[in-house]
Each structure stands twice: as structure tokens, then as C-alpha cells.
Amino acid sequence: AAAPDRFDRARAVLLVAAGAELGELARSAGADVLPREE
């Protein structure tokens, strides 16, 4: 019954970040982060 609504939350911001410290900076501002190591 719950499966059709598969989303855990309403909204998110996803930032692509090259650098671990930069990723932590973005997370602290409320973003989801995709690390760009390669």
C-alpha cells in the first residue's frame, strides 16, 4: 500500500562537489552531495 509513494521526503538540492571538504561544506548548508572524485 505504501509502495506507490516511494519518496521519503518532498524536496532536496543535489550538488556535485569535487573535494571532500567542499562536500562537507555543502552538506552543512543542507544539500545532498554527489562526490566528484573522478
All heavy atoms as atom14 arrays in JSON, in Angstrom:
{
  "sequence": "AAAPDRFDRARAVLLVAAGAELGELARSAGADVLPREE",
  "atom14_mask": [
    [1, 1, 1, 1, 1, 0, 0, 0, 0, 0, 0, 0, 0, 0],
    [1, 1, 1, 1, 1, 0, 0, 0, 0, 0, 0, 0, 0, 0],
    [1, 1, 1, 1, 1, 0, 0, 0, 0, 0, 0, 0, 0, 0],
    [1, 1, 1, 1, 1, 1, 1, 0, 0, 0, 0, 0, 0, 0],
    [1, 1, 1, 1, 1, 1, 1, 1, 0, 0, 0, 0, 0, 0],
    [1, 1, 1, 1, 1, 1, 1, 1, 1, 1, 1, 0, 0, 0],
    [1, 1, 1, 1, 1, 1, 1, 1, 1, 1, 1, 0, 0, 0],
    [1, 1, 1, 1, 1, 1, 1, 1, 0, 0, 0, 0, 0, 0],
    [1, 1, 1, 1, 1, 1, 1, 1, 1, 1, 1, 0, 0, 0],
    [1, 1, 1, 1, 1, 0, 0, 0, 0, 0, 0, 0, 0, 0],
    [1, 1, 1, 1, 1, 1, 1, 1, 1, 1, 1, 0, 0, 0],
    [1, 1, 1, 1, 1, 0, 0, 0, 0, 0, 0, 0, 0, 0],
    [1, 1, 1, 1, 1, 1, 1, 0, 0, 0, 0, 0, 0, 0],
    [1, 1, 1, 1, 1, 1, 1, 1, 0, 0, 0, 0, 0, 0],
    [1, 1, 1, 1, 1, 1, 1, 1, 0, 0, 0, 0, 0, 0],
    [1, 1, 1, 1, 1, 1, 1, 0, 0, 0, 0, 0, 0, 0],
    [1, 1, 1, 1, 1, 0, 0, 0, 0, 0, 0, 0, 0, 0],
    [1, 1, 1, 1, 1, 0, 0, 0, 0, 0, 0, 0, 0, 0],
    [1, 1, 1, 1, 0, 0, 0, 0, 0, 0, 0, 0, 0, 0],
    [1, 1, 1, 1, 1, 0, 0, 0, 0, 0, 0, 0, 0, 0],
    [1, 1, 1, 1, 1, 1, 1, 1, 1, 0, 0, 0, 0, 0],
    [1, 1, 1, 1, 1, 1, 1, 1, 0, 0, 0, 0, 0, 0],
    [1, 1, 1, 1, 0, 0, 0, 0, 0, 0, 0, 0, 0, 0],
    [1, 1, 1, 1, 1, 1, 1, 1, 1, 0, 0, 0, 0, 0],
    [1, 1, 1, 1, 1, 1, 1, 1, 0, 0, 0, 0, 0, 0],
    [1, 1, 1, 1, 1, 0, 0, 0, 0, 0, 0, 0, 0, 0],
    [1, 1, 1, 1, 1, 1, 1, 1, 1, 1, 1, 0, 0, 0],
    [1, 1, 1, 1, 1, 1, 0, 0, 0, 0, 0, 0, 0, 0],
    [1, 1, 1, 1, 1, 0, 0, 0, 0, 0, 0, 0, 0, 0],
    [1, 1, 1, 1, 0, 0, 0, 0, 0, 0, 0, 0, 0, 0],
    [1, 1, 1, 1, 1, 0, 0, 0, 0, 0, 0, 0, 0, 0],
    [1, 1, 1, 1, 1, 1, 1, 1, 0, 0, 0, 0, 0, 0],
    [1, 1, 1, 1, 1, 1, 1, 0, 0, 0, 0, 0, 0, 0],
    [1, 1, 1, 1, 1, 1, 1, 1, 0, 0, 0, 0, 0, 0],
    [1, 1, 1, 1, 1, 1, 1, 0, 0, 0, 0, 0, 0, 0],
    [1, 1, 1, 1, 1, 1, 1, 1, 1, 1, 1, 0, 0, 0],
    [1, 1, 1, 1, 1, 1, 1, 1, 1, 0, 0, 0, 0, 0],
    [1, 1, 1, 1, 1, 1, 1, 1, 1, 0, 0, 0, 0, 0]
  ],
  "atom14_positions": [
    [[0.83, -1.2, 0.0], [0.0, 0.0, 0.0], [0.86, 1.25, 0.0], [0.5, 2.27, -0.59], [-0.92, 0.0, 1.22], [0.0, 0.0, 0.0], [0.0, 0.0, 0.0], [0.0, 0.0, 0.0], [0.0, 0.0, 0.0], [0.0, 0.0, 0.0], [0.0, 0.0, 0.0], [0.0, 0.0, 0.0], [0.0, 0.0, 0.0], [0.0, 0.0, 0.0]],
    [[2.03, 1.16, 0.67], [2.89, 2.33, 0.74], [3.82, 2.44, -0.46], [4.41, 3.49, -0.69], [3.73, 2.28, 2.02], [0.0, 0.0, 0.0], [0.0, 0.0, 0.0], [0.0, 0.0, 0.0], [0.0, 0.0, 0.0], [0.0, 0.0, 0.0], [0.0, 0.0, 0.0], [0.0, 0.0, 0.0], [0.0, 0.0, 0.0], [0.0, 0.0, 0.0]],
    [[3.95, 1.38, -1.23], [4.94, 1.36, -2.31], [4.75, 2.43, -3.37], [5.74, 2.98, -3.84], [4.96, -0.02, -2.97], [0.0, 0.0, 0.0], [0.0, 0.0, 0.0], [0.0, 0.0, 0.0], [0.0, 0.0, 0.0], [0.0, 0.0, 0.0], [0.0, 0.0, 0.0], [0.0, 0.0, 0.0], [0.0, 0.0, 0.0], [0.0, 0.0, 0.0]],
    [[3.51, 2.77, -3.82], [3.4, 3.75, -4.88], [4.06, 5.09, -4.54], [4.58, 5.76, -5.42], [1.88, 3.9, -5.04], [1.34, 2.59, -4.62], [2.21, 2.17, -3.49], [0.0, 0.0, 0.0], [0.0, 0.0, 0.0], [0.0, 0.0, 0.0], [0.0, 0.0, 0.0], [0.0, 0.0, 0.0], [0.0, 0.0, 0.0], [0.0, 0.0, 0.0]],
    [[4.0, 5.53, -3.29], [4.68, 6.75, -2.9], [6.04, 6.37, -2.35], [6.21, 6.14, -1.17], [3.86, 7.51, -1.85], [4.49, 8.88, -1.56], [5.45, 9.24, -2.26], [4.01, 9.55, -0.63], [0.0, 0.0, 0.0], [0.0, 0.0, 0.0], [0.0, 0.0, 0.0], [0.0, 0.0, 0.0], [0.0, 0.0, 0.0], [0.0, 0.0, 0.0]],
    [[7.03, 6.3, -3.22], [8.33, 5.79, -2.84], [9.26, 6.87, -2.31], [10.41, 6.6, -2.0], [8.98, 5.11, -4.04], [9.23, 6.06, -5.21], [9.82, 5.33, -6.4], [10.07, 6.19, -7.52], [9.17, 6.51, -8.43], [7.96, 6.01, -8.32], [9.46, 7.31, -9.44], [0.0, 0.0, 0.0], [0.0, 0.0, 0.0], [0.0, 0.0, 0.0]],
    [[8.8, 8.11, -2.26], [9.67, 9.2, -1.86], [9.65, 9.39, -0.35], [8.59, 9.4, 0.27], [9.27, 10.5, -2.57], [9.33, 10.38, -4.07], [8.17, 10.33, -4.82], [10.55, 10.3, -4.72], [8.22, 10.21, -6.21], [10.61, 10.19, -6.1], [9.45, 10.14, -6.84], [0.0, 0.0, 0.0], [0.0, 0.0, 0.0], [0.0, 0.0, 0.0]],
    [[10.84, 9.53, 0.23], [10.97, 9.7, 1.67], [10.73, 11.14, 2.1], [10.41, 11.4, 3.26], [12.37, 9.28, 2.14], [12.67, 7.83, 1.8], [11.74, 7.02, 1.85], [13.83, 7.52, 1.49], [0.0, 0.0, 0.0], [0.0, 0.0, 0.0], [0.0, 0.0, 0.0], [0.0, 0.0, 0.0], [0.0, 0.0, 0.0], [0.0, 0.0, 0.0]],
    [[10.91, 12.08, 1.2], [10.75, 13.49, 1.54], [10.3, 14.27, 0.32], [10.35, 13.77, -0.81], [12.06, 14.06, 2.09], [13.28, 13.79, 1.21], [14.53, 14.35, 1.85], [15.73, 13.94, 1.14], [16.84, 14.66, 1.11], [16.89, 15.83, 1.73], [17.9, 14.23, 0.47], [0.0, 0.0, 0.0], [0.0, 0.0, 0.0], [0.0, 0.0, 0.0]],
    [[9.89, 15.49, 0.56], [9.31, 16.28, -0.52], [10.37, 16.89, -1.44], [10.24, 16.84, -2.66], [8.41, 17.38, 0.05], [0.0, 0.0, 0.0], [0.0, 0.0, 0.0], [0.0, 0.0, 0.0], [0.0, 0.0, 0.0], [0.0, 0.0, 0.0], [0.0, 0.0, 0.0], [0.0, 0.0, 0.0], [0.0, 0.0, 0.0], [0.0, 0.0, 0.0]],
    [[11.43, 17.46, -0.85], [12.36, 18.25, -1.66], [13.81, 18.0, -1.26], [14.1, 17.61, -0.13], [12.04, 19.74, -1.52], [10.66, 20.12, -1.99], [10.28, 21.52, -1.53], [11.16, 22.53, -2.06], [11.09, 23.82, -1.71], [10.19, 24.22, -0.84], [11.91, 24.7, -2.24], [0.0, 0.0, 0.0], [0.0, 0.0, 0.0], [0.0, 0.0, 0.0]],
    [[14.69, 18.24, -2.21], [16.13, 18.14, -1.93], [16.87, 18.99, -2.95], [16.36, 19.3, -4.04], [16.61, 16.69, -2.01], [0.0, 0.0, 0.0], [0.0, 0.0, 0.0], [0.0, 0.0, 0.0], [0.0, 0.0, 0.0], [0.0, 0.0, 0.0], [0.0, 0.0, 0.0], [0.0, 0.0, 0.0], [0.0, 0.0, 0.0], [0.0, 0.0, 0.0]],
    [[18.08, 19.38, -2.59], [19.01, 20.02, -3.51], [20.23, 19.13, -3.61], [20.81, 18.74, -2.58], [19.42, 21.43, -3.02], [20.45, 22.04, -3.98], [18.21, 22.33, -2.91], [0.0, 0.0, 0.0], [0.0, 0.0, 0.0], [0.0, 0.0, 0.0], [0.0, 0.0, 0.0], [0.0, 0.0, 0.0], [0.0, 0.0, 0.0], [0.0, 0.0, 0.0]],
    [[20.63, 18.77, -4.82], [21.78, 17.88, -5.05], [22.89, 18.67, -5.72], [22.7, 19.22, -6.8], [21.37, 16.7, -5.93], [22.48, 15.72, -6.33], [23.08, 15.04, -5.11], [21.97, 14.69, -7.32], [0.0, 0.0, 0.0], [0.0, 0.0, 0.0], [0.0, 0.0, 0.0], [0.0, 0.0, 0.0], [0.0, 0.0, 0.0], [0.0, 0.0, 0.0]],
    [[24.05, 18.72, -5.06], [25.2, 19.46, -5.58], [26.32, 18.49, -5.93], [26.65, 17.6, -5.13], [25.7, 20.46, -4.53], [26.96, 21.25, -4.88], [26.65, 22.3, -5.93], [27.55, 21.91, -3.64], [0.0, 0.0, 0.0], [0.0, 0.0, 0.0], [0.0, 0.0, 0.0], [0.0, 0.0, 0.0], [0.0, 0.0, 0.0], [0.0, 0.0, 0.0]],
    [[26.91, 18.64, -7.1], [28.08, 17.86, -7.49], [29.31, 18.59, -6.96], [29.54, 19.76, -7.3], [28.17, 17.68, -9.01], [29.38, 16.82, -9.37], [26.9, 17.07, -9.55], [0.0, 0.0, 0.0], [0.0, 0.0, 0.0], [0.0, 0.0, 0.0], [0.0, 0.0, 0.0], [0.0, 0.0, 0.0], [0.0, 0.0, 0.0], [0.0, 0.0, 0.0]],
    [[30.1, 17.93, -6.12], [31.21, 18.6, -5.44], [32.51, 17.83, -5.65], [32.58, 16.64, -5.39], [30.93, 18.73, -3.94], [0.0, 0.0, 0.0], [0.0, 0.0, 0.0], [0.0, 0.0, 0.0], [0.0, 0.0, 0.0], [0.0, 0.0, 0.0], [0.0, 0.0, 0.0], [0.0, 0.0, 0.0], [0.0, 0.0, 0.0], [0.0, 0.0, 0.0]],
    [[33.54, 18.54, -6.11], [34.87, 17.95, -6.28], [35.72, 18.31, -5.08], [36.27, 19.4, -4.99], [35.52, 18.46, -7.56], [0.0, 0.0, 0.0], [0.0, 0.0, 0.0], [0.0, 0.0, 0.0], [0.0, 0.0, 0.0], [0.0, 0.0, 0.0], [0.0, 0.0, 0.0], [0.0, 0.0, 0.0], [0.0, 0.0, 0.0], [0.0, 0.0, 0.0]],
    [[35.81, 17.42, -4.11], [36.59, 17.69, -2.9], [35.8, 17.34, -1.66], [34.64, 17.75, -1.53], [0.0, 0.0, 0.0], [0.0, 0.0, 0.0], [0.0, 0.0, 0.0], [0.0, 0.0, 0.0], [0.0, 0.0, 0.0], [0.0, 0.0, 0.0], [0.0, 0.0, 0.0], [0.0, 0.0, 0.0], [0.0, 0.0, 0.0], [0.0, 0.0, 0.0]],
    [[36.42, 16.59, -0.75], [35.71, 16.14, 0.44], [35.29, 17.31, 1.32], [34.17, 17.33, 1.85], [36.61, 15.18, 1.24], [0.0, 0.0, 0.0], [0.0, 0.0, 0.0], [0.0, 0.0, 0.0], [0.0, 0.0, 0.0], [0.0, 0.0, 0.0], [0.0, 0.0, 0.0], [0.0, 0.0, 0.0], [0.0, 0.0, 0.0], [0.0, 0.0, 0.0]],
    [[36.18, 18.28, 1.49], [35.85, 19.43, 2.35], [34.72, 20.25, 1.75], [33.85, 20.77, 2.46], [37.09, 20.28, 2.58], [38.14, 19.58, 3.42], [39.51, 20.23, 3.32], [40.0, 20.43, 2.19], [40.08, 20.54, 4.37], [0.0, 0.0, 0.0], [0.0, 0.0, 0.0], [0.0, 0.0, 0.0], [0.0, 0.0, 0.0], [0.0, 0.0, 0.0]],
    [[34.73, 20.36, 0.44], [33.66, 21.07, -0.24], [32.33, 20.35, -0.06], [31.28, 20.97, 0.14], [33.99, 21.2, -1.74], [33.02, 22.0, -2.6], [32.87, 23.41, -2.07], [33.5, 22.01, -4.03], [0.0, 0.0, 0.0], [0.0, 0.0, 0.0], [0.0, 0.0, 0.0], [0.0, 0.0, 0.0], [0.0, 0.0, 0.0], [0.0, 0.0, 0.0]],
    [[32.38, 19.02, -0.12], [31.17, 18.23, 0.11], [30.6, 18.44, 1.5], [29.39, 18.6, 1.67], [0.0, 0.0, 0.0], [0.0, 0.0, 0.0], [0.0, 0.0, 0.0], [0.0, 0.0, 0.0], [0.0, 0.0, 0.0], [0.0, 0.0, 0.0], [0.0, 0.0, 0.0], [0.0, 0.0, 0.0], [0.0, 0.0, 0.0], [0.0, 0.0, 0.0]],
    [[31.48, 18.47, 2.51], [31.02, 18.71, 3.88], [30.43, 20.11, 4.01], [29.45, 20.32, 4.73], [32.18, 18.52, 4.86], [32.61, 17.08, 5.03], [31.45, 16.18, 5.44], [30.69, 16.56, 6.35], [31.29, 15.1, 4.83], [0.0, 0.0, 0.0], [0.0, 0.0, 0.0], [0.0, 0.0, 0.0], [0.0, 0.0, 0.0], [0.0, 0.0, 0.0]],
    [[31.03, 21.07, 3.32], [30.51, 22.44, 3.34], [29.1, 22.48, 2.77], [28.2, 23.13, 3.32], [31.45, 23.34, 2.53], [31.17, 24.84, 2.53], [31.3, 25.41, 3.94], [32.12, 25.55, 1.57], [0.0, 0.0, 0.0], [0.0, 0.0, 0.0], [0.0, 0.0, 0.0], [0.0, 0.0, 0.0], [0.0, 0.0, 0.0], [0.0, 0.0, 0.0]],
    [[28.89, 21.77, 1.66], [27.56, 21.74, 1.04], [26.56, 21.01, 1.92], [25.4, 21.43, 2.05], [27.64, 21.08, -0.34], [0.0, 0.0, 0.0], [0.0, 0.0, 0.0], [0.0, 0.0, 0.0], [0.0, 0.0, 0.0], [0.0, 0.0, 0.0], [0.0, 0.0, 0.0], [0.0, 0.0, 0.0], [0.0, 0.0, 0.0], [0.0, 0.0, 0.0]],
    [[26.98, 19.91, 2.53], [26.07, 19.17, 3.41], [25.65, 20.01, 4.61], [24.5, 19.97, 5.04], [26.73, 17.88, 3.88], [26.88, 16.81, 2.8], [27.38, 15.5, 3.38], [27.61, 14.52, 2.33], [28.81, 14.32, 1.76], [29.85, 15.02, 2.16], [28.95, 13.43, 0.79], [0.0, 0.0, 0.0], [0.0, 0.0, 0.0], [0.0, 0.0, 0.0]],
    [[26.6, 20.78, 5.15], [26.27, 21.62, 6.3], [25.26, 22.7, 5.93], [24.55, 23.22, 6.8], [27.54, 22.27, 6.86], [28.08, 23.22, 5.94], [0.0, 0.0, 0.0], [0.0, 0.0, 0.0], [0.0, 0.0, 0.0], [0.0, 0.0, 0.0], [0.0, 0.0, 0.0], [0.0, 0.0, 0.0], [0.0, 0.0, 0.0], [0.0, 0.0, 0.0]],
    [[25.19, 23.03, 4.64], [24.21, 24.0, 4.16], [22.89, 23.34, 3.76], [21.99, 24.01, 3.26], [24.78, 24.79, 2.99], [0.0, 0.0, 0.0], [0.0, 0.0, 0.0], [0.0, 0.0, 0.0], [0.0, 0.0, 0.0], [0.0, 0.0, 0.0], [0.0, 0.0, 0.0], [0.0, 0.0, 0.0], [0.0, 0.0, 0.0], [0.0, 0.0, 0.0]],
    [[22.8, 22.02, 3.93], [21.53, 21.33, 3.7], [21.42, 20.6, 2.38], [20.33, 20.14, 2.03], [0.0, 0.0, 0.0], [0.0, 0.0, 0.0], [0.0, 0.0, 0.0], [0.0, 0.0, 0.0], [0.0, 0.0, 0.0], [0.0, 0.0, 0.0], [0.0, 0.0, 0.0], [0.0, 0.0, 0.0], [0.0, 0.0, 0.0], [0.0, 0.0, 0.0]],
    [[22.52, 20.45, 1.65], [22.45, 19.8, 0.33], [22.78, 18.32, 0.43], [23.52, 17.89, 1.31], [23.4, 20.47, -0.64], [0.0, 0.0, 0.0], [0.0, 0.0, 0.0], [0.0, 0.0, 0.0], [0.0, 0.0, 0.0], [0.0, 0.0, 0.0], [0.0, 0.0, 0.0], [0.0, 0.0, 0.0], [0.0, 0.0, 0.0], [0.0, 0.0, 0.0]],
    [[22.23, 17.54, -0.5], [22.74, 16.2, -0.78], [23.93, 16.39, -1.72], [23.93, 17.31, -2.54], [21.69, 15.33, -1.45], [20.61, 14.9, -0.48], [20.04, 15.77, 0.23], [20.32, 13.71, -0.41], [0.0, 0.0, 0.0], [0.0, 0.0, 0.0], [0.0, 0.0, 0.0], [0.0, 0.0, 0.0], [0.0, 0.0, 0.0], [0.0, 0.0, 0.0]],
    [[24.93, 15.52, -1.62], [26.18, 15.73, -2.36], [26.53, 14.5, -3.18], [26.47, 13.37, -2.68], [27.34, 16.08, -1.41], [28.66, 16.15, -2.16], [27.06, 17.4, -0.7], [0.0, 0.0, 0.0], [0.0, 0.0, 0.0], [0.0, 0.0, 0.0], [0.0, 0.0, 0.0], [0.0, 0.0, 0.0], [0.0, 0.0, 0.0], [0.0, 0.0, 0.0]],
    [[26.89, 14.73, -4.43], [27.48, 13.68, -5.27], [28.96, 13.99, -5.38], [29.35, 14.96, -6.04], [26.83, 13.67, -6.67], [27.52, 12.79, -7.72], [27.58, 11.34, -7.27], [26.83, 12.91, -9.07], [0.0, 0.0, 0.0], [0.0, 0.0, 0.0], [0.0, 0.0, 0.0], [0.0, 0.0, 0.0], [0.0, 0.0, 0.0], [0.0, 0.0, 0.0]],
    [[29.84, 13.21, -4.71], [31.28, 13.48, -4.78], [31.79, 13.31, -6.2], [31.41, 12.37, -6.9], [31.88, 12.43, -3.84], [30.75, 11.99, -2.98], [29.52, 12.09, -3.82], [0.0, 0.0, 0.0], [0.0, 0.0, 0.0], [0.0, 0.0, 0.0], [0.0, 0.0, 0.0], [0.0, 0.0, 0.0], [0.0, 0.0, 0.0], [0.0, 0.0, 0.0]],
    [[32.65, 14.22, -6.61], [33.21, 14.13, -7.94], [34.72, 13.91, -7.83], [35.53, 14.78, -8.1], [32.93, 15.42, -8.73], [33.3, 15.31, -10.2], [33.06, 16.61, -10.95], [33.4, 16.48, -12.35], [33.36, 17.46, -13.23], [32.95, 18.66, -12.84], [33.7, 17.27, -14.48], [0.0, 0.0, 0.0], [0.0, 0.0, 0.0], [0.0, 0.0, 0.0]],
    [[35.07, 12.69, -7.43], [36.47, 12.35, -7.31], [37.07, 12.03, -8.67], [38.25, 12.24, -8.9], [36.64, 11.17, -6.36], [36.12, 11.48, -4.95], [36.17, 10.27, -4.05], [36.55, 9.19, -4.56], [35.83, 10.4, -2.87], [0.0, 0.0, 0.0], [0.0, 0.0, 0.0], [0.0, 0.0, 0.0], [0.0, 0.0, 0.0], [0.0, 0.0, 0.0]],
    [[36.27, 11.48, -9.56], [36.71, 11.17, -10.91], [35.63, 11.68, -11.87], [34.75, 12.43, -11.49], [36.91, 9.66, -11.08], [37.98, 9.09, -10.13], [38.12, 7.6, -10.28], [37.36, 7.0, -11.06], [39.0, 7.03, -9.61], [0.0, 0.0, 0.0], [0.0, 0.0, 0.0], [0.0, 0.0, 0.0], [0.0, 0.0, 0.0], [0.0, 0.0, 0.0]]
  ]
}
